[in-house]
Amino acid sequence: MKSKKALKKLVEGNKRFIDSKQINHTIGVKVNSSLISSQKPFAVVLTCSDSRVGVNTIFDTKLGDLFIIKNAGNIVSKSVLATIEYAIVILNVELIVVLSHQSCGAVKYAKTHPEGKTEKDKNLDFLLHQIRYVLSKNKELSTKDITKANAEHSADKIIKNSIIISNKIKSGKAKIVTGYYKISTGKVKFH
């Protein structure tokens, strides 16, 4: 599916979710059995692990529609890049979405716990390093705007650190967008 059509499908699904008019809420063995032999997602979504961000729900999509990658703060690592490349090259996905959200706990934690001030946990510091980098460049921004800036930074890292993705975007065979999910309204605004 072309990236423009895929993005339109996400926008339409989010509108149905907001209006409580979902059409893709049937989950059962019949639906699952149709996915056994293959998958054909129309978008790859990198988002936060936050339990309030149910990607298939907020976009009113079915199992198999989205290739979803989740981690705290929607940060980019080598495994995230490889997973996105897999979606682009193997599954022929053309739309990459980096989705941030309202009240992101990872951003709040990074703001209140500077590097080295966590539980002496190098893994947690590694996870939060990207968010802290964005914070250091945007100290005057609100938590909401830091969250959006972090998604933009993740999108930039995806392009800069993957020749495969960068080339697909340059050739018009892929597109990357960021989005912000406002939990209080259900609305996703794409940038």
N, C-alpha and C. Protein backbone atom coordinates (compact mmCIF):
# COMPACT_ATOMS: atom_id res chain seq x y z
N MET A 1 0.85 -1.18 0.00
CA MET A 1 0.00 0.00 0.00
C MET A 1 0.89 1.24 0.00
N LYS A 2 0.58 2.18 -0.83
CA LYS A 2 1.34 3.42 -0.92
C LYS A 2 1.24 4.19 0.40
N SER A 3 2.30 4.94 0.73
CA SER A 3 2.36 5.64 2.02
C SER A 3 1.21 6.64 2.21
N LYS A 4 0.83 7.34 1.15
CA LYS A 4 -0.25 8.33 1.25
C LYS A 4 -1.57 7.64 1.63
N LYS A 5 -1.86 6.52 0.98
CA LYS A 5 -3.08 5.77 1.27
C LYS A 5 -3.02 5.17 2.68
N ALA A 6 -1.84 4.70 3.08
CA ALA A 6 -1.67 4.12 4.41
C ALA A 6 -1.92 5.17 5.50
N LEU A 7 -1.37 6.37 5.30
CA LEU A 7 -1.57 7.45 6.28
C LEU A 7 -3.05 7.83 6.34
N LYS A 8 -3.71 7.89 5.21
CA LYS A 8 -5.14 8.21 5.16
C LYS A 8 -5.93 7.16 5.94
N LYS A 9 -5.55 5.91 5.79
CA LYS A 9 -6.22 4.82 6.49
C LYS A 9 -6.06 4.97 8.01
N LEU A 10 -4.88 5.38 8.47
CA LEU A 10 -4.66 5.61 9.90
C LEU A 10 -5.50 6.77 10.40
N VAL A 11 -5.55 7.86 9.64
CA VAL A 11 -6.34 9.03 10.03
C VAL A 11 -7.82 8.66 10.12
N GLU A 12 -8.32 7.93 9.15
CA GLU A 12 -9.72 7.51 9.15
C GLU A 12 -10.02 6.57 10.32
N GLY A 13 -9.11 5.65 10.61
CA GLY A 13 -9.29 4.74 11.73
C GLY A 13 -9.29 5.46 13.06
N ASN A 14 -8.41 6.46 13.20
CA ASN A 14 -8.38 7.24 14.43
C ASN A 14 -9.68 8.02 14.61
N LYS A 15 -10.22 8.52 13.53
CA LYS A 15 -11.51 9.25 13.60
C LYS A 15 -12.61 8.31 14.07
N ARG A 16 -12.63 7.09 13.55
CA ARG A 16 -13.63 6.11 14.01
C ARG A 16 -13.46 5.82 15.50
N PHE A 17 -12.21 5.70 15.95
CA PHE A 17 -11.93 5.44 17.36
C PHE A 17 -12.46 6.59 18.22
N ILE A 18 -12.17 7.82 17.82
CA ILE A 18 -12.63 9.00 18.58
C ILE A 18 -14.15 9.04 18.64
N ASP A 19 -14.79 8.70 17.53
CA ASP A 19 -16.25 8.74 17.44
C ASP A 19 -16.92 7.47 17.98
N SER A 20 -16.13 6.55 18.52
CA SER A 20 -16.63 5.25 19.02
C SER A 20 -17.41 4.50 17.95
N LYS A 21 -16.88 4.52 16.73
CA LYS A 21 -17.51 3.83 15.60
C LYS A 21 -16.54 2.82 14.98
N GLN A 22 -15.81 2.11 15.84
CA GLN A 22 -14.84 1.14 15.36
C GLN A 22 -15.51 0.04 14.55
N ILE A 23 -14.79 -0.39 13.53
CA ILE A 23 -15.30 -1.49 12.70
C ILE A 23 -14.39 -2.71 12.77
N ASN A 24 -13.23 -2.58 13.38
CA ASN A 24 -12.24 -3.66 13.39
C ASN A 24 -11.99 -4.20 14.79
N HIS A 25 -13.04 -4.49 15.51
CA HIS A 25 -12.87 -4.98 16.88
C HIS A 25 -13.14 -6.48 17.02
N THR A 26 -13.35 -7.17 15.93
CA THR A 26 -13.58 -8.61 15.98
C THR A 26 -12.24 -9.34 16.02
N ILE A 27 -12.01 -10.04 17.10
CA ILE A 27 -10.79 -10.83 17.22
C ILE A 27 -11.20 -12.24 17.61
N GLY A 28 -10.73 -13.19 16.88
CA GLY A 28 -11.07 -14.57 17.18
C GLY A 28 -10.25 -15.51 16.33
N VAL A 29 -10.50 -16.78 16.48
CA VAL A 29 -9.73 -17.80 15.76
C VAL A 29 -9.86 -17.62 14.26
N LYS A 30 -11.05 -17.28 13.77
CA LYS A 30 -11.25 -17.11 12.33
C LYS A 30 -10.33 -16.02 11.78
N VAL A 31 -10.26 -14.90 12.46
CA VAL A 31 -9.39 -13.80 12.03
C VAL A 31 -7.93 -14.24 12.12
N ASN A 32 -7.56 -14.85 13.23
CA ASN A 32 -6.17 -15.28 13.42
C ASN A 32 -5.74 -16.31 12.38
N SER A 33 -6.61 -17.24 12.02
CA SER A 33 -6.22 -18.30 11.07
C SER A 33 -5.91 -17.73 9.69
N SER A 34 -6.50 -16.60 9.34
CA SER A 34 -6.21 -16.00 8.04
C SER A 34 -4.81 -15.39 7.99
N LEU A 35 -4.19 -15.24 9.14
CA LEU A 35 -2.86 -14.63 9.21
C LEU A 35 -1.74 -15.65 9.37
N ILE A 36 -2.07 -16.92 9.41
CA ILE A 36 -1.06 -17.94 9.68
C ILE A 36 0.04 -17.96 8.64
N SER A 37 -0.30 -17.93 7.38
CA SER A 37 0.71 -18.10 6.33
C SER A 37 1.48 -16.83 6.00
N SER A 38 0.91 -15.66 6.24
CA SER A 38 1.63 -14.44 5.90
C SER A 38 1.02 -13.22 6.59
N GLN A 39 1.75 -12.13 6.50
CA GLN A 39 1.26 -10.85 7.00
C GLN A 39 1.52 -9.79 5.94
N LYS A 40 0.65 -8.81 5.88
CA LYS A 40 0.79 -7.72 4.92
C LYS A 40 0.45 -6.40 5.61
N PRO A 41 1.27 -5.99 6.57
CA PRO A 41 0.97 -4.72 7.24
C PRO A 41 1.12 -3.55 6.27
N PHE A 42 0.34 -2.51 6.49
CA PHE A 42 0.44 -1.34 5.61
C PHE A 42 1.26 -0.21 6.22
N ALA A 43 1.65 -0.36 7.49
CA ALA A 43 2.50 0.65 8.13
C ALA A 43 3.31 -0.01 9.24
N VAL A 44 4.47 0.57 9.52
CA VAL A 44 5.26 0.18 10.68
C VAL A 44 5.17 1.34 11.66
N VAL A 45 4.90 1.03 12.93
CA VAL A 45 4.72 2.06 13.95
C VAL A 45 5.70 1.82 15.08
N LEU A 46 6.56 2.82 15.33
CA LEU A 46 7.43 2.82 16.50
C LEU A 46 6.76 3.70 17.53
N THR A 47 6.45 3.13 18.68
CA THR A 47 5.75 3.89 19.71
C THR A 47 6.24 3.48 21.09
N CYS A 48 5.71 4.14 22.08
CA CYS A 48 6.08 3.90 23.48
C CYS A 48 5.41 2.63 23.99
N SER A 49 6.04 2.00 24.95
CA SER A 49 5.49 0.79 25.58
C SER A 49 4.34 1.10 26.53
N ASP A 50 4.05 2.36 26.75
CA ASP A 50 2.99 2.77 27.67
C ASP A 50 1.73 1.93 27.42
N SER A 51 1.18 1.40 28.50
CA SER A 51 0.02 0.50 28.38
C SER A 51 -1.24 1.21 27.88
N ARG A 52 -1.22 2.54 27.89
CA ARG A 52 -2.38 3.30 27.41
C ARG A 52 -2.35 3.54 25.90
N VAL A 53 -1.27 3.10 25.25
CA VAL A 53 -1.11 3.32 23.81
C VAL A 53 -1.32 1.99 23.08
N GLY A 54 -2.57 1.66 22.86
CA GLY A 54 -2.94 0.46 22.12
C GLY A 54 -3.07 0.82 20.65
N VAL A 55 -2.02 0.60 19.90
CA VAL A 55 -1.92 1.11 18.53
C VAL A 55 -3.05 0.60 17.64
N ASN A 56 -3.33 -0.70 17.65
CA ASN A 56 -4.42 -1.22 16.82
C ASN A 56 -5.76 -0.62 17.23
N THR A 57 -5.92 -0.33 18.50
CA THR A 57 -7.18 0.24 18.98
C THR A 57 -7.35 1.68 18.54
N ILE A 58 -6.32 2.51 18.75
CA ILE A 58 -6.48 3.94 18.44
C ILE A 58 -6.54 4.22 16.94
N PHE A 59 -6.08 3.27 16.12
CA PHE A 59 -6.19 3.43 14.67
C PHE A 59 -7.27 2.52 14.08
N ASP A 60 -8.01 1.84 14.95
CA ASP A 60 -9.08 0.94 14.52
C ASP A 60 -8.62 0.03 13.38
N THR A 61 -7.53 -0.68 13.63
CA THR A 61 -6.98 -1.60 12.64
C THR A 61 -7.11 -3.04 13.14
N LYS A 62 -6.98 -3.96 12.21
CA LYS A 62 -7.07 -5.39 12.53
C LYS A 62 -5.69 -5.95 12.82
N LEU A 63 -5.67 -7.14 13.41
CA LEU A 63 -4.42 -7.88 13.54
C LEU A 63 -3.84 -8.05 12.15
N GLY A 64 -2.54 -7.81 12.01
CA GLY A 64 -1.89 -7.95 10.72
C GLY A 64 -1.80 -6.67 9.92
N ASP A 65 -2.54 -5.63 10.31
CA ASP A 65 -2.51 -4.36 9.57
C ASP A 65 -1.26 -3.53 9.86
N LEU A 66 -0.79 -3.60 11.10
CA LEU A 66 0.34 -2.75 11.52
C LEU A 66 1.48 -3.61 12.05
N PHE A 67 2.69 -3.20 11.72
CA PHE A 67 3.90 -3.82 12.24
C PHE A 67 4.36 -2.91 13.37
N ILE A 68 4.17 -3.33 14.61
CA ILE A 68 4.32 -2.44 15.77
C ILE A 68 5.58 -2.76 16.55
N ILE A 69 6.35 -1.69 16.84
CA ILE A 69 7.56 -1.78 17.66
C ILE A 69 7.34 -0.88 18.86
N LYS A 70 7.50 -1.43 20.07
CA LYS A 70 7.28 -0.63 21.27
C LYS A 70 8.49 -0.68 22.19
N ASN A 71 8.84 0.47 22.73
CA ASN A 71 9.81 0.56 23.83
C ASN A 71 9.54 1.85 24.58
N ALA A 72 10.01 1.94 25.81
CA ALA A 72 9.78 3.14 26.61
C ALA A 72 10.39 4.35 25.91
N GLY A 73 9.56 5.34 25.59
CA GLY A 73 10.04 6.57 24.97
C GLY A 73 10.21 6.51 23.47
N ASN A 74 9.76 5.45 22.82
CA ASN A 74 9.89 5.26 21.37
C ASN A 74 11.26 5.66 20.85
N ILE A 75 12.30 5.10 21.48
CA ILE A 75 13.67 5.44 21.08
C ILE A 75 14.18 4.49 20.01
N VAL A 76 15.22 4.91 19.33
CA VAL A 76 15.80 4.14 18.23
C VAL A 76 17.08 3.45 18.69
N SER A 77 17.14 2.16 18.48
CA SER A 77 18.34 1.36 18.75
C SER A 77 18.63 0.56 17.48
N LYS A 78 19.72 -0.20 17.51
CA LYS A 78 20.05 -1.04 16.34
C LYS A 78 18.94 -2.06 16.06
N SER A 79 18.39 -2.64 17.11
CA SER A 79 17.34 -3.64 16.88
C SER A 79 16.07 -2.99 16.33
N VAL A 80 15.78 -1.77 16.76
CA VAL A 80 14.62 -1.05 16.22
C VAL A 80 14.85 -0.75 14.74
N LEU A 81 16.04 -0.26 14.40
CA LEU A 81 16.36 0.02 12.99
C LEU A 81 16.23 -1.25 12.14
N ALA A 82 16.79 -2.34 12.64
CA ALA A 82 16.73 -3.60 11.89
C ALA A 82 15.28 -4.06 11.70
N THR A 83 14.47 -3.86 12.71
CA THR A 83 13.06 -4.25 12.63
C THR A 83 12.32 -3.40 11.60
N ILE A 84 12.59 -2.10 11.58
CA ILE A 84 11.96 -1.23 10.58
C ILE A 84 12.44 -1.62 9.18
N GLU A 85 13.75 -1.87 9.05
CA GLU A 85 14.28 -2.31 7.75
C GLU A 85 13.60 -3.59 7.29
N TYR A 86 13.38 -4.52 8.20
CA TYR A 86 12.68 -5.76 7.87
C TYR A 86 11.30 -5.45 7.30
N ALA A 87 10.58 -4.55 7.97
CA ALA A 87 9.23 -4.19 7.50
C ALA A 87 9.26 -3.55 6.12
N ILE A 88 10.26 -2.71 5.88
CA ILE A 88 10.38 -2.00 4.60
C ILE A 88 10.81 -2.95 3.48
N VAL A 89 11.83 -3.76 3.74
CA VAL A 89 12.42 -4.61 2.70
C VAL A 89 11.64 -5.91 2.50
N ILE A 90 11.34 -6.61 3.57
CA ILE A 90 10.73 -7.94 3.47
C ILE A 90 9.21 -7.86 3.33
N LEU A 91 8.59 -6.95 4.09
CA LEU A 91 7.13 -6.86 4.08
C LEU A 91 6.60 -5.78 3.14
N ASN A 92 7.52 -5.04 2.52
CA ASN A 92 7.16 -3.99 1.56
C ASN A 92 6.27 -2.89 2.13
N VAL A 93 6.48 -2.55 3.39
CA VAL A 93 5.75 -1.45 4.01
C VAL A 93 6.34 -0.13 3.52
N GLU A 94 5.50 0.84 3.24
CA GLU A 94 5.98 2.12 2.74
C GLU A 94 5.82 3.27 3.73
N LEU A 95 5.07 3.07 4.81
CA LEU A 95 4.85 4.14 5.78
C LEU A 95 5.45 3.78 7.13
N ILE A 96 6.30 4.68 7.64
CA ILE A 96 6.89 4.55 8.98
C ILE A 96 6.29 5.66 9.83
N VAL A 97 5.75 5.29 10.99
CA VAL A 97 5.18 6.26 11.92
C VAL A 97 5.95 6.17 13.23
N VAL A 98 6.42 7.32 13.72
CA VAL A 98 6.98 7.40 15.07
C VAL A 98 5.92 8.11 15.90
N LEU A 99 5.30 7.36 16.80
CA LEU A 99 4.14 7.85 17.55
C LEU A 99 4.49 8.13 19.00
N SER A 100 4.37 9.40 19.39
CA SER A 100 4.56 9.78 20.79
C SER A 100 3.18 9.98 21.42
N HIS A 101 3.15 10.27 22.71
CA HIS A 101 1.84 10.38 23.36
C HIS A 101 1.87 11.30 24.57
N GLN A 102 0.70 11.76 24.93
CA GLN A 102 0.47 12.61 26.10
C GLN A 102 0.90 11.87 27.37
N SER A 103 1.46 12.61 28.30
CA SER A 103 1.84 12.08 29.62
C SER A 103 2.83 10.92 29.53
N CYS A 104 3.83 11.05 28.67
CA CYS A 104 4.83 10.00 28.51
C CYS A 104 5.68 9.88 29.78
N GLY A 105 5.61 8.75 30.42
CA GLY A 105 6.36 8.52 31.65
C GLY A 105 7.86 8.53 31.44
N ALA A 106 8.33 8.04 30.30
CA ALA A 106 9.76 8.03 30.02
C ALA A 106 10.30 9.46 29.91
N VAL A 107 9.56 10.34 29.26
CA VAL A 107 9.98 11.74 29.14
C VAL A 107 9.95 12.41 30.51
N LYS A 108 8.89 12.19 31.27
CA LYS A 108 8.79 12.77 32.61
C LYS A 108 9.95 12.30 33.49
N TYR A 109 10.25 11.01 33.42
CA TYR A 109 11.34 10.45 34.23
C TYR A 109 12.68 11.05 33.82
N ALA A 110 12.91 11.16 32.52
CA ALA A 110 14.17 11.74 32.03
C ALA A 110 14.33 13.18 32.49
N LYS A 111 13.22 13.92 32.54
CA LYS A 111 13.27 15.32 32.98
C LYS A 111 13.62 15.44 34.46
N THR A 112 13.13 14.52 35.26
CA THR A 112 13.33 14.63 36.71
C THR A 112 14.52 13.83 37.24
N HIS A 113 15.12 13.01 36.39
CA HIS A 113 16.26 12.19 36.80
C HIS A 113 17.39 12.35 35.79
N PRO A 114 18.25 13.34 36.00
CA PRO A 114 19.37 13.55 35.06
C PRO A 114 20.27 12.32 34.98
N GLU A 115 21.06 12.25 33.91
CA GLU A 115 21.98 11.14 33.69
C GLU A 115 22.82 10.90 34.94
N GLY A 116 22.94 9.65 35.34
CA GLY A 116 23.71 9.28 36.51
C GLY A 116 22.94 9.39 37.82
N LYS A 117 21.72 9.91 37.76
CA LYS A 117 20.92 10.09 38.98
C LYS A 117 19.81 9.04 39.08
N THR A 118 19.90 7.99 38.28
CA THR A 118 18.90 6.92 38.36
C THR A 118 19.39 5.87 39.35
N GLU A 119 18.76 4.76 39.36
CA GLU A 119 19.05 3.68 40.30
C GLU A 119 20.37 2.98 40.00
N LYS A 120 21.35 3.69 39.50
CA LYS A 120 22.64 3.11 39.11
C LYS A 120 22.43 1.96 38.13
N ASP A 121 21.49 2.14 37.27
CA ASP A 121 21.15 1.12 36.29
C ASP A 121 21.56 1.60 34.91
N LYS A 122 22.61 1.02 34.40
CA LYS A 122 23.14 1.43 33.09
C LYS A 122 22.13 1.17 31.97
N ASN A 123 21.34 0.12 32.11
CA ASN A 123 20.34 -0.16 31.08
C ASN A 123 19.29 0.95 31.00
N LEU A 124 18.82 1.39 32.16
CA LEU A 124 17.84 2.47 32.19
C LEU A 124 18.46 3.77 31.68
N ASP A 125 19.70 4.05 32.07
CA ASP A 125 20.38 5.24 31.56
C ASP A 125 20.52 5.18 30.04
N PHE A 126 20.83 4.01 29.51
CA PHE A 126 20.95 3.85 28.06
C PHE A 126 19.61 4.15 27.39
N LEU A 127 18.55 3.62 27.94
CA LEU A 127 17.23 3.82 27.39
C LEU A 127 16.84 5.30 27.37
N LEU A 128 17.19 6.00 28.44
CA LEU A 128 16.78 7.40 28.57
C LEU A 128 17.76 8.39 27.95
N HIS A 129 18.91 7.90 27.50
CA HIS A 129 19.94 8.79 26.96
C HIS A 129 19.42 9.64 25.80
N GLN A 130 18.68 9.02 24.87
CA GLN A 130 18.16 9.77 23.72
C GLN A 130 17.21 10.87 24.17
N ILE A 131 16.34 10.58 25.11
CA ILE A 131 15.40 11.59 25.59
C ILE A 131 16.15 12.72 26.28
N ARG A 132 17.16 12.36 27.06
CA ARG A 132 17.96 13.39 27.74
C ARG A 132 18.71 14.27 26.74
N TYR A 133 19.13 13.69 25.63
CA TYR A 133 19.78 14.47 24.58
C TYR A 133 18.80 15.51 24.04
N VAL A 134 17.59 15.08 23.75
CA VAL A 134 16.56 16.01 23.26
C VAL A 134 16.28 17.08 24.31
N LEU A 135 16.21 16.69 25.57
CA LEU A 135 16.01 17.65 26.66
C LEU A 135 17.12 18.69 26.70
N SER A 136 18.36 18.25 26.53
CA SER A 136 19.50 19.18 26.60
C SER A 136 19.46 20.21 25.48
N LYS A 137 18.85 19.88 24.36
CA LYS A 137 18.76 20.80 23.22
C LYS A 137 17.51 21.68 23.27
N ASN A 138 16.58 21.35 24.16
CA ASN A 138 15.27 22.03 24.19
C ASN A 138 14.81 22.29 25.61
N LYS A 139 15.66 22.84 26.45
CA LYS A 139 15.35 23.00 27.88
C LYS A 139 14.12 23.84 28.15
N GLU A 140 13.80 24.77 27.25
CA GLU A 140 12.68 25.67 27.48
C GLU A 140 11.32 25.08 27.11
N LEU A 141 11.31 23.93 26.48
CA LEU A 141 10.05 23.34 26.01
C LEU A 141 9.27 22.65 27.13
N SER A 142 7.96 22.59 26.95
CA SER A 142 7.08 21.87 27.87
C SER A 142 7.29 20.36 27.69
N THR A 143 6.77 19.59 28.63
CA THR A 143 6.86 18.13 28.52
C THR A 143 6.21 17.65 27.23
N LYS A 144 5.07 18.22 26.88
CA LYS A 144 4.38 17.86 25.63
C LYS A 144 5.28 18.11 24.42
N ASP A 145 5.91 19.28 24.39
CA ASP A 145 6.76 19.61 23.24
C ASP A 145 8.05 18.80 23.22
N ILE A 146 8.57 18.46 24.41
CA ILE A 146 9.75 17.57 24.47
C ILE A 146 9.37 16.20 23.91
N THR A 147 8.18 15.73 24.26
CA THR A 147 7.71 14.43 23.76
C THR A 147 7.64 14.44 22.24
N LYS A 148 7.10 15.51 21.67
CA LYS A 148 7.03 15.64 20.21
C LYS A 148 8.43 15.75 19.60
N ALA A 149 9.30 16.54 20.25
CA ALA A 149 10.68 16.70 19.76
C ALA A 149 11.43 15.37 19.81
N ASN A 150 11.14 14.56 20.82
CA ASN A 150 11.77 13.25 20.92
C ASN A 150 11.34 12.35 19.76
N ALA A 151 10.08 12.41 19.37
CA ALA A 151 9.61 11.63 18.21
C ALA A 151 10.29 12.11 16.93
N GLU A 152 10.44 13.42 16.78
CA GLU A 152 11.13 13.97 15.61
C GLU A 152 12.59 13.51 15.58
N HIS A 153 13.22 13.52 16.77
CA HIS A 153 14.61 13.06 16.88
C HIS A 153 14.71 11.58 16.49
N SER A 154 13.75 10.78 16.94
CA SER A 154 13.74 9.35 16.57
C SER A 154 13.59 9.18 15.06
N ALA A 155 12.71 9.96 14.46
CA ALA A 155 12.52 9.89 13.00
C ALA A 155 13.82 10.26 12.28
N ASP A 156 14.48 11.32 12.76
CA ASP A 156 15.76 11.73 12.16
C ASP A 156 16.81 10.63 12.29
N LYS A 157 16.86 9.99 13.48
CA LYS A 157 17.83 8.91 13.70
C LYS A 157 17.57 7.73 12.77
N ILE A 158 16.32 7.44 12.53
CA ILE A 158 15.98 6.34 11.62
C ILE A 158 16.55 6.62 10.24
N ILE A 159 16.32 7.83 9.75
CA ILE A 159 16.80 8.21 8.42
C ILE A 159 18.32 8.25 8.37
N LYS A 160 18.95 8.86 9.37
CA LYS A 160 20.41 9.03 9.38
C LYS A 160 21.18 7.73 9.59
N ASN A 161 20.56 6.78 10.28
CA ASN A 161 21.29 5.56 10.64
C ASN A 161 20.92 4.33 9.82
N SER A 162 20.09 4.51 8.80
CA SER A 162 19.74 3.38 7.94
C SER A 162 19.82 3.82 6.48
N ILE A 163 20.80 3.30 5.78
CA ILE A 163 20.93 3.59 4.35
C ILE A 163 19.72 3.05 3.60
N ILE A 164 19.27 1.88 4.00
CA ILE A 164 18.11 1.26 3.34
C ILE A 164 16.89 2.18 3.42
N ILE A 165 16.58 2.63 4.63
CA ILE A 165 15.40 3.48 4.82
C ILE A 165 15.59 4.83 4.16
N SER A 166 16.77 5.40 4.33
CA SER A 166 17.07 6.70 3.72
C SER A 166 16.89 6.65 2.20
N ASN A 167 17.41 5.61 1.57
CA ASN A 167 17.29 5.46 0.12
C ASN A 167 15.83 5.27 -0.31
N LYS A 168 15.08 4.50 0.46
CA LYS A 168 13.66 4.29 0.14
C LYS A 168 12.89 5.61 0.22
N ILE A 169 13.20 6.42 1.23
CA ILE A 169 12.53 7.71 1.37
C ILE A 169 12.92 8.65 0.24
N LYS A 170 14.23 8.72 -0.07
CA LYS A 170 14.70 9.58 -1.16
C LYS A 170 14.09 9.21 -2.50
N SER A 171 13.87 7.92 -2.72
CA SER A 171 13.31 7.46 -4.00
C SER A 171 11.78 7.53 -4.04
N GLY A 172 11.17 7.95 -2.93
CA GLY A 172 9.72 8.06 -2.88
C GLY A 172 9.01 6.74 -2.63
N LYS A 173 9.77 5.70 -2.26
CA LYS A 173 9.18 4.39 -2.02
C LYS A 173 8.84 4.15 -0.55
N ALA A 174 9.09 5.16 0.28
CA ALA A 174 8.73 5.10 1.69
C ALA A 174 8.59 6.53 2.20
N LYS A 175 7.87 6.65 3.30
CA LYS A 175 7.66 7.95 3.93
C LYS A 175 7.72 7.74 5.43
N ILE A 176 8.24 8.74 6.15
CA ILE A 176 8.26 8.69 7.60
C ILE A 176 7.53 9.92 8.14
N VAL A 177 6.65 9.70 9.11
CA VAL A 177 5.93 10.78 9.76
C VAL A 177 5.99 10.58 11.27
N THR A 178 5.75 11.66 12.00
CA THR A 178 5.61 11.55 13.44
C THR A 178 4.16 11.86 13.79
N GLY A 179 3.75 11.35 14.92
CA GLY A 179 2.40 11.61 15.40
C GLY A 179 2.41 11.78 16.90
N TYR A 180 1.40 12.48 17.39
CA TYR A 180 1.24 12.69 18.83
C TYR A 180 -0.17 12.25 19.21
N TYR A 181 -0.25 11.27 20.11
CA TYR A 181 -1.53 10.73 20.57
C TYR A 181 -1.92 11.40 21.87
N LYS A 182 -3.03 12.13 21.84
CA LYS A 182 -3.54 12.79 23.04
C LYS A 182 -4.50 11.82 23.72
N ILE A 183 -4.05 11.23 24.80
CA ILE A 183 -4.82 10.20 25.49
C ILE A 183 -6.19 10.72 25.92
N SER A 184 -6.24 11.97 26.38
CA SER A 184 -7.49 12.53 26.91
C SER A 184 -8.59 12.68 25.86
N THR A 185 -8.22 12.79 24.60
CA THR A 185 -9.23 12.94 23.54
C THR A 185 -9.25 11.76 22.57
N GLY A 186 -8.18 10.98 22.54
CA GLY A 186 -8.06 9.88 21.59
C GLY A 186 -7.49 10.30 20.24
N LYS A 187 -7.28 11.58 20.05
CA LYS A 187 -6.85 12.13 18.76
C LYS A 187 -5.35 11.92 18.53
N VAL A 188 -5.02 11.49 17.32
CA VAL A 188 -3.63 11.44 16.87
C VAL A 188 -3.45 12.55 15.85
N LYS A 189 -2.48 13.41 16.11
CA LYS A 189 -2.16 14.48 15.17
C LYS A 189 -0.82 14.15 14.54
N PHE A 190 -0.81 14.07 13.21
CA PHE A 190 0.41 13.75 12.49
C PHE A 190 1.15 15.02 12.11
N HIS A 191 2.48 14.91 12.08
CA HIS A 191 3.34 16.05 11.73
C HIS A 191 4.19 15.68 10.54
